Protein backbone atom coordinates (compact mmCIF):
# COMPACT_ATOMS: atom_id res chain seq x y z
CA UNK A 1 -20.34 27.08 8.90
CA UNK A 2 -20.17 26.92 12.64
CA UNK A 3 -20.57 23.50 13.91
CA UNK A 4 -21.39 21.69 17.35
CA UNK A 5 -21.34 17.94 17.68
CA UNK A 6 -23.96 16.39 19.56
CA UNK A 7 -23.06 13.85 21.78
CA UNK A 8 -24.74 10.62 21.79
CA UNK A 9 -26.45 9.34 25.28
CA UNK A 10 -24.99 7.13 27.35
CA UNK A 11 -26.76 3.86 26.83
CA UNK A 12 -25.97 4.12 23.10
CA UNK A 13 -22.34 4.67 23.65
CA UNK A 14 -21.78 1.90 26.39
CA UNK A 15 -23.80 -0.59 24.36
CA UNK A 16 -21.50 0.17 20.98
CA UNK A 17 -18.30 0.00 23.41
CA UNK A 18 -19.31 -3.32 24.88
CA UNK A 19 -19.91 -4.89 21.95
CA UNK A 20 -16.77 -3.63 20.06
CA UNK A 21 -14.97 -4.38 22.70
CA UNK A 22 -16.22 -7.99 22.95
CA UNK A 23 -15.52 -8.64 19.53
CA UNK A 24 -11.81 -7.18 19.97
CA UNK A 25 -11.27 -9.60 22.58
CA UNK A 26 -12.00 -12.20 20.81
CA UNK A 27 -9.36 -11.65 18.32
CA UNK A 28 -6.75 -9.43 20.25
CA UNK A 29 -3.94 -12.08 20.41
CA UNK A 30 -3.91 -11.63 16.70
CA UNK A 31 -1.41 -9.14 16.09
CA UNK A 32 -0.98 -8.93 11.84
CA UNK A 33 -2.49 -7.73 8.96
CA UNK A 34 -4.70 -10.26 6.58
CA UNK A 35 -4.22 -10.13 2.71
CA UNK A 36 -7.83 -11.26 2.05
CA UNK A 37 -10.35 -8.92 3.42
CA UNK A 38 -11.14 -6.11 1.79
CA UNK A 39 -13.53 -2.88 1.94
CA UNK A 40 -15.11 0.33 0.20
CA UNK A 41 -16.40 2.70 2.63
CA UNK A 42 -20.02 3.49 1.20
CA UNK A 43 -19.51 1.14 -1.39
CA UNK A 44 -21.34 -1.94 0.24
CA UNK A 45 -18.48 -4.68 -0.84
CA UNK A 46 -18.40 -7.43 1.84
CA UNK A 47 -15.72 -9.54 3.34
CA UNK A 48 -14.28 -11.86 1.37
CA UNK A 49 -11.66 -12.96 4.03
CA UNK A 50 -11.72 -17.03 2.80
CA UNK A 51 -10.30 -15.66 -0.68
CA UNK A 52 -6.65 -16.86 -1.46
CA UNK A 53 -4.34 -19.27 -0.29
CA UNK A 54 -0.65 -19.98 1.00
CA UNK A 55 1.54 -22.12 -1.35
CA UNK A 56 1.09 -25.86 -0.42
CA UNK A 57 4.06 -27.15 0.95
CA UNK A 58 5.69 -30.68 -0.41
CA UNK A 59 4.44 -32.67 2.51
CA UNK A 60 0.97 -31.21 2.79
CA UNK A 61 -0.50 -34.15 1.71
CA UNK A 62 -2.46 -35.42 4.81
CA UNK A 63 -5.73 -34.33 5.89
CA UNK A 64 -5.93 -31.75 8.62
CA UNK A 65 -7.77 -28.64 9.70
CA UNK A 66 -6.90 -24.81 9.61
CA UNK A 67 -8.34 -22.13 11.89
CA UNK A 68 -7.77 -18.64 10.45
CA UNK A 69 -8.79 -15.39 11.82
CA UNK A 70 -9.40 -12.24 10.03
CA UNK A 71 -9.80 -9.01 10.93
CA UNK A 72 -10.14 -6.17 9.14
CA UNK A 73 -10.91 -1.99 10.21
CA UNK A 74 -11.43 0.93 8.19
CA UNK A 75 -12.40 4.62 8.18
CA UNK A 76 -14.09 6.08 5.22
CA UNK A 77 -14.90 9.76 5.27
CA UNK A 78 -14.11 10.66 1.24
CA UNK A 79 -16.99 11.60 -1.16
CA UNK A 80 -16.60 10.94 -4.91
CA UNK A 81 -18.39 11.55 -7.92
CA UNK A 82 -16.72 9.39 -10.33
CA UNK A 83 -13.35 9.81 -9.77
CA UNK A 84 -13.83 13.34 -8.49
CA UNK A 85 -13.05 14.09 -4.80
CA UNK A 86 -15.56 15.75 -3.61
CA UNK A 87 -13.17 18.03 -0.96
CA UNK A 88 -15.97 20.73 -0.08
CA UNK A 89 -17.22 18.11 2.32
CA UNK A 90 -14.57 17.76 4.18
CA UNK A 91 -14.61 21.70 4.22
CA UNK A 92 -17.96 21.88 5.31
CA UNK A 93 -18.08 18.95 7.82
CA UNK A 94 -20.97 17.56 6.50
CA UNK A 95 -19.37 14.08 4.91
CA UNK A 96 -20.50 10.51 6.23
CA UNK A 97 -17.71 8.68 8.05
CA UNK A 98 -17.98 4.99 8.37
CA UNK A 99 -16.32 3.33 11.06
CA UNK A 100 -16.49 -0.52 10.32
CA UNK A 101 -14.63 -3.48 11.66
CA UNK A 102 -14.88 -7.17 10.35
CA UNK A 103 -13.67 -10.76 12.21
CA UNK A 104 -13.60 -13.45 9.86
CA UNK A 105 -13.40 -16.75 11.52
CA UNK A 106 -12.80 -19.47 8.68
CA UNK A 107 -12.79 -23.25 9.08
CA UNK A 108 -10.73 -25.13 6.52
CA UNK A 109 -10.86 -28.91 6.25
CA UNK A 110 -7.96 -30.27 4.28
CA UNK A 111 -9.27 -33.64 2.48
CA UNK A 112 -6.19 -34.08 0.97
CA UNK A 113 -3.04 -32.65 -0.88
CA UNK A 114 -5.59 -31.27 -3.72
CA UNK A 115 -9.06 -31.08 -2.03
CA UNK A 116 -10.31 -28.86 0.89
CA UNK A 117 -13.46 -27.02 2.02
CA UNK A 118 -13.84 -23.66 3.99
CA UNK A 119 -16.45 -22.19 6.04
CA UNK A 120 -16.59 -18.29 6.72
CA UNK A 121 -18.43 -16.83 9.69
CA UNK A 122 -17.91 -13.04 9.53
CA UNK A 123 -18.70 -10.92 13.05
CA UNK A 124 -19.10 -7.44 12.06
CA UNK A 125 -19.25 -4.06 14.78
CA UNK A 126 -19.95 -0.99 12.58
CA UNK A 127 -20.79 2.89 13.08
CA UNK A 128 -22.00 5.68 11.08
CA UNK A 129 -21.91 9.40 11.36
CA UNK A 130 -23.79 11.56 9.50
CA UNK A 131 -25.12 14.94 9.64
CA UNK A 132 -28.63 16.90 10.02
CA UNK A 133 -28.90 20.93 10.23
CA UNK A 134 -30.81 22.84 12.80
CA UNK A 135 -31.40 26.95 12.88
CA UNK A 136 -27.89 26.67 10.73
CA UNK A 137 -26.08 24.34 12.69
CA UNK A 138 -24.29 21.73 11.62
CA UNK A 139 -25.18 18.40 13.88
CA UNK A 140 -23.65 14.97 14.11
CA UNK A 141 -25.54 11.37 15.08
CA UNK A 142 -24.59 8.04 14.15
CA UNK A 143 -26.52 4.47 13.67
CA UNK A 144 -24.54 1.36 14.40
CA UNK A 145 -24.91 -2.96 13.69
CA UNK A 146 -23.17 -5.59 15.24
CA UNK A 147 -23.63 -9.15 14.77
CA UNK A 148 -22.82 -11.76 12.38
CA UNK A 149 -22.98 -11.77 8.47
CA UNK A 150 -23.30 -13.64 5.65
CA UNK A 151 -21.65 -17.45 5.84
CA UNK A 152 -19.85 -18.70 2.93
CA UNK A 153 -19.10 -22.36 2.19
CA UNK A 154 -16.59 -23.26 -0.34
CA UNK A 155 -14.89 -26.20 -2.03
CA UNK A 156 -11.24 -26.16 -3.09
CA UNK A 157 -9.30 -27.90 -5.58
CA UNK A 158 -5.78 -27.45 -7.04
CA UNK A 159 -5.64 -28.41 -10.60
CA UNK A 160 -2.63 -29.97 -10.27
CA UNK A 161 -1.56 -32.12 -7.35
CA UNK A 162 1.24 -30.04 -5.20
CA UNK A 163 3.10 -33.01 -4.42
CA UNK A 164 4.29 -33.20 -8.53
CA UNK A 165 3.99 -29.17 -9.24
CA UNK A 166 6.24 -27.57 -6.95
CA UNK A 167 6.90 -24.48 -9.59
CA UNK A 168 3.17 -23.33 -9.98
CA UNK A 169 -0.09 -24.36 -9.57
CA UNK A 170 -4.08 -23.14 -9.73
CA UNK A 171 -6.73 -23.13 -7.22
CA UNK A 172 -10.07 -22.95 -8.22
CA UNK A 173 -13.18 -22.47 -5.37
CA UNK A 174 -16.78 -22.65 -6.09
CA UNK A 175 -18.80 -21.73 -3.02
CA UNK A 176 -22.41 -20.56 -2.10
CA UNK A 177 -23.40 -17.57 0.15
CA UNK A 178 -25.93 -17.89 2.52
CA UNK A 179 -28.23 -14.61 3.69
CA UNK A 180 -27.95 -15.26 7.52
CA UNK A 181 -26.13 -11.83 8.26
CA UNK A 182 -29.08 -9.43 9.22
CA UNK A 183 -30.05 -7.19 5.88
CA UNK A 184 -32.87 -5.01 8.21
CA UNK A 185 -30.78 -4.14 10.52
CA UNK A 186 -32.60 -0.93 12.35
CA UNK A 187 -31.22 1.98 14.54
CA UNK A 188 -32.53 5.55 15.31
CA UNK A 189 -32.16 8.64 12.98
CA UNK A 190 -31.91 12.05 14.39
CA UNK A 191 -33.66 14.58 12.07
CA UNK A 192 -33.66 17.77 14.02
CA UNK A 193 -32.65 17.64 18.01
CA UNK A 194 -35.89 16.59 19.38
CA UNK A 195 -37.37 14.16 16.80
CA UNK A 196 -35.64 11.06 15.40
CA UNK A 197 -37.10 7.80 13.22
CA UNK A 198 -36.37 4.32 13.61
CA UNK A 199 -35.52 2.15 10.55
CA UNK A 200 -33.36 0.36 8.88
CA UNK A 201 -29.39 1.32 8.83
CA UNK A 202 -27.53 2.56 5.79
CA UNK A 203 -26.63 -0.76 3.14
CA UNK A 204 -23.01 0.11 3.85
CA UNK A 205 -23.29 -1.16 7.19
CA UNK A 206 -25.95 -3.36 6.95
CA UNK A 207 -24.41 -7.08 8.46
CA UNK A 208 -25.90 -9.01 5.09
CA UNK A 209 -27.18 -8.36 1.83
CA UNK A 210 -30.64 -10.60 1.91
CA UNK A 211 -29.47 -12.85 -0.92
CA UNK A 212 -27.87 -16.28 -1.41
CA UNK A 213 -25.19 -15.91 -3.85
CA UNK A 214 -22.85 -18.29 -5.69
CA UNK A 215 -18.96 -17.43 -5.81
CA UNK A 216 -16.07 -18.51 -8.08
CA UNK A 217 -12.27 -17.87 -7.55
CA UNK A 218 -9.58 -18.61 -8.88
CA UNK A 219 -6.05 -18.73 -6.77
CA UNK A 220 -2.57 -19.11 -8.70
CA UNK A 221 1.02 -18.62 -8.12
CA UNK A 222 4.30 -19.47 -10.10
CA UNK A 223 8.05 -19.66 -8.11
CA UNK A 224 10.40 -18.23 -10.69
CA UNK A 225 13.06 -19.34 -7.76
CA UNK A 226 12.93 -20.46 -3.81
CA UNK A 227 13.11 -16.75 -3.21
CA UNK A 228 10.93 -15.13 -6.10
CA UNK A 229 7.48 -15.78 -6.72
CA UNK A 230 4.13 -13.98 -8.12
CA UNK A 231 0.25 -14.51 -7.36
CA UNK A 232 -2.91 -13.70 -8.11
CA UNK A 233 -6.51 -13.95 -7.12
CA UNK A 234 -9.47 -13.18 -8.66
CA UNK A 235 -13.35 -13.61 -6.72
CA UNK A 236 -16.73 -13.26 -7.85
CA UNK A 237 -19.58 -13.27 -6.15
CA UNK A 238 -22.85 -13.34 -8.18
CA UNK A 239 -26.34 -12.91 -6.42
CA UNK A 240 -29.26 -13.60 -8.80
CA UNK A 241 -31.60 -11.89 -6.46
CA UNK A 242 -32.80 -8.24 -7.53
CA UNK A 243 -34.16 -6.19 -4.21
CA UNK A 244 -34.28 -7.59 -0.85
CA UNK A 245 -37.34 -5.41 -0.10
CA UNK A 246 -35.64 -3.52 2.63
CA UNK A 247 -36.41 -0.08 2.79
CA UNK A 248 -33.92 2.81 2.09
CA UNK A 249 -35.58 5.46 3.81
CA UNK A 250 -34.20 5.35 7.09
CA UNK A 251 -37.80 5.21 8.68
CA UNK A 252 -39.36 7.94 6.84
CA UNK A 253 -41.59 8.28 3.73
CA UNK A 254 -39.69 7.09 0.45
CA UNK A 255 -39.69 10.51 -1.69
CA UNK A 256 -41.34 10.14 -5.18
CA UNK A 257 -37.90 10.74 -6.80
CA UNK A 258 -36.74 7.42 -4.58
CA UNK A 259 -40.19 5.83 -5.91
CA UNK A 260 -39.74 6.41 -9.51
CA UNK A 261 -35.82 5.49 -9.95
CA UNK A 262 -36.43 2.42 -7.31
CA UNK A 263 -33.90 3.63 -5.23
CA UNK A 264 -36.36 3.24 -1.96
CA UNK A 265 -35.72 -0.62 -1.90
CA UNK A 266 -32.43 -1.77 -1.41
CA UNK A 267 -30.62 -3.97 -4.34
CA UNK A 268 -28.58 -7.03 -3.71
CA UNK A 269 -25.49 -6.40 -5.66
CA UNK A 270 -22.80 -8.53 -7.34
CA UNK A 271 -19.01 -7.96 -6.63
CA UNK A 272 -15.64 -8.72 -7.54
CA UNK A 273 -12.11 -8.84 -6.93
CA UNK A 274 -8.51 -9.36 -8.74
CA UNK A 275 -5.22 -9.61 -7.25
CA UNK A 276 -1.38 -9.61 -8.54
CA UNK A 277 1.65 -9.44 -7.22
CA UNK A 278 5.40 -10.39 -6.04
CA UNK A 279 6.38 -12.46 -3.30
CA UNK A 280 10.06 -12.17 -2.19
CA UNK A 281 11.01 -14.82 0.56
CA UNK A 282 13.82 -14.40 3.08
CA UNK A 283 13.95 -17.19 5.86
CA UNK A 284 10.61 -17.50 7.41
CA UNK A 285 9.31 -13.74 5.84
CA UNK A 286 7.51 -12.79 2.94
CA UNK A 287 7.38 -9.94 1.79
CA UNK A 288 5.14 -8.66 -0.68
CA UNK A 289 4.00 -5.88 -3.26
CA UNK A 290 0.55 -5.97 -5.15
CA UNK A 291 -1.72 -4.22 -6.80
CA UNK A 292 -5.67 -4.95 -5.86
CA UNK A 293 -8.89 -4.07 -8.01
CA UNK A 294 -12.39 -4.13 -6.25
CA UNK A 295 -16.00 -3.60 -7.50
CA UNK A 296 -19.04 -3.47 -6.89
CA UNK A 297 -20.52 -3.53 -10.26
CA UNK A 298 -23.62 -1.39 -11.97
CA UNK A 299 -25.42 -4.19 -13.39
CA UNK A 300 -25.47 -7.70 -12.17
CA UNK A 301 -24.13 -10.95 -13.90
CA UNK A 302 -27.62 -13.01 -13.34
CA UNK A 303 -30.72 -11.29 -12.39
CA UNK A 304 -31.82 -7.36 -12.25
CA UNK A 305 -30.22 -4.89 -11.23
CA UNK A 306 -32.59 -2.23 -9.66
CA UNK A 307 -33.15 -0.59 -6.47
CA UNK A 308 -30.32 1.09 -4.20
CA UNK A 309 -26.85 0.60 -4.65
CA UNK A 310 -23.70 2.61 -4.68
CA UNK A 311 -21.68 1.05 -7.50
CA UNK A 312 -17.89 1.98 -8.02
CA UNK A 313 -14.28 0.46 -7.77
CA UNK A 314 -11.52 1.14 -5.86
CA UNK A 315 -7.50 0.13 -7.26
CA UNK A 316 -5.04 -0.18 -4.53
CA UNK A 317 -1.64 -0.65 -4.00
CA UNK A 318 -0.76 -3.82 -1.45
CA UNK A 319 1.98 -3.79 0.42
CA UNK A 320 2.45 -6.55 2.61
CA UNK A 321 4.31 -9.18 5.24
CA UNK A 322 4.09 -12.80 6.33
CA UNK A 323 6.00 -14.68 9.04
CA UNK A 324 5.38 -18.34 8.84
CA UNK A 325 5.70 -20.79 11.97
CA UNK A 326 5.72 -24.32 11.89
CA UNK A 327 2.23 -24.56 12.33
CA UNK A 328 1.30 -21.00 12.46
CA UNK A 329 1.14 -18.10 9.81
CA UNK A 330 0.63 -14.59 10.56
CA UNK A 331 0.66 -12.18 7.88
CA UNK A 332 0.39 -8.05 7.29
CA UNK A 333 -1.56 -6.42 4.16
CA UNK A 334 -2.70 -2.57 4.06
CA UNK A 335 -4.09 -1.65 0.69
CA UNK A 336 -3.56 1.99 0.00
CA UNK A 337 -6.24 3.73 -2.36
CA UNK A 338 -4.81 4.92 -5.67
CA UNK A 339 -7.97 5.32 -7.72
CA UNK A 340 -11.45 5.57 -6.47
CA UNK A 341 -14.66 5.91 -8.63
CA UNK A 342 -18.14 5.89 -7.66
CA UNK A 343 -20.15 4.67 -11.01
CA UNK A 344 -23.37 6.17 -12.06
CA UNK A 345 -25.92 3.69 -10.68
CA UNK A 346 -29.31 2.20 -12.29
CA UNK A 347 -31.41 4.81 -10.32
CA UNK A 348 -28.55 7.65 -11.25
CA UNK A 349 -29.55 6.41 -15.13
CA UNK A 350 -33.18 6.36 -14.96
CA UNK A 351 -33.26 9.75 -13.27
CA UNK A 352 -30.89 11.50 -15.77
CA UNK A 353 -33.66 10.01 -18.63
CA UNK A 354 -37.03 11.28 -16.66
CA UNK A 355 -35.53 14.77 -15.90
CA UNK A 356 -33.11 15.28 -18.46
CA UNK A 357 -30.69 16.36 -16.30
CA UNK A 358 -27.31 14.15 -15.40
CA UNK A 359 -27.34 12.77 -12.38
CA UNK A 360 -24.41 10.98 -10.40
CA UNK A 361 -24.45 9.67 -6.49
CA UNK A 362 -21.62 9.44 -4.55
CA UNK A 363 -19.86 7.47 -1.99
CA UNK A 364 -17.64 7.80 1.05
CA UNK A 365 -14.09 5.86 0.61
CA UNK A 366 -11.28 4.90 2.83
CA UNK A 367 -7.64 6.02 2.34
CA UNK A 368 -6.47 2.50 3.52
CA UNK A 369 -7.57 -0.58 5.31
CA UNK A 370 -5.63 -2.08 8.16
CA UNK A 371 -6.12 -6.05 7.79
CA UNK A 372 -5.01 -8.64 10.73
CA UNK A 373 -4.85 -12.26 10.73
CA UNK A 374 -3.62 -15.42 11.21
CA UNK A 375 -4.02 -18.83 10.27
CA UNK A 376 -3.36 -21.99 12.64
CA UNK A 377 -3.14 -25.59 11.33
CA UNK A 378 -4.25 -27.94 14.12
């Protein structure tokens, strides 16, 4: 098929470039990868930059402040239905391409050797490229979003006093996620060379999900020796709200099928993440090898699971490196996708029941995620 790329307006490009440049300047001094952020492309799992912890030192008993910057970038472009790669989308050139960048600013108040409080403010710059067909030709256009995401406040506690337990420990975190990010961010969608509609951008690049959520974290480590240790992290965000009331029709009239299966309104989904790995320490360097499972489930733990969502999970191998200065830690982690699975959503199942024809939507995933970050003990 013959393709032609639509040239975006100068005003749109300049505006997005200025926003992205401003966001980059805020964090350009941080040259490392953050092991705590993650993403799923069209599966709208949001940042969890506050997840994880540094192993506490023997003298970390006094109160202090820690300021962290966590930066994430990825490009999702490979479509999956279940675990099947829809390679024809790349060959035809009608795949959706998301570019997403997030800078999480996390301020932590260490109250004492066991307790701490953290405030996480994400700032996002996203774009989504998709296609329309006119006169047999495939054309591309982009929608964008920029601004703050959903703020999260979390209280953490070590189960045992790190001053007395040096071999290993478990940290528990309980938090609240506030709906501060815009869940109805809007832009123009092109439907032909001469027509366009104005409506909410795709769920995958919305700045927030519109729900107040509760988060549970469990972070742990165990030192086999001064050089070798293992770590584990678990995070679950429960969003009791069923739907946020935002249209999924991109400024158009919802279709009869989307009304029938409930996908014309965006869902407010749960999400979770689990990590395990091994650290090897050499002087100030820590080299890591681990695995990561990130998921947006089909059904929520609390509340309804109706509305539009792209449920799925991704299992990644996660190599990383960390360097520790006296009061500064920088780290580099790049999750590389091994298994990608876009699971069948509630609207998919409703359509299957109504029509008698098996229905299973797709989602675009990234091959890997580039994360950069650093923390400063003030």
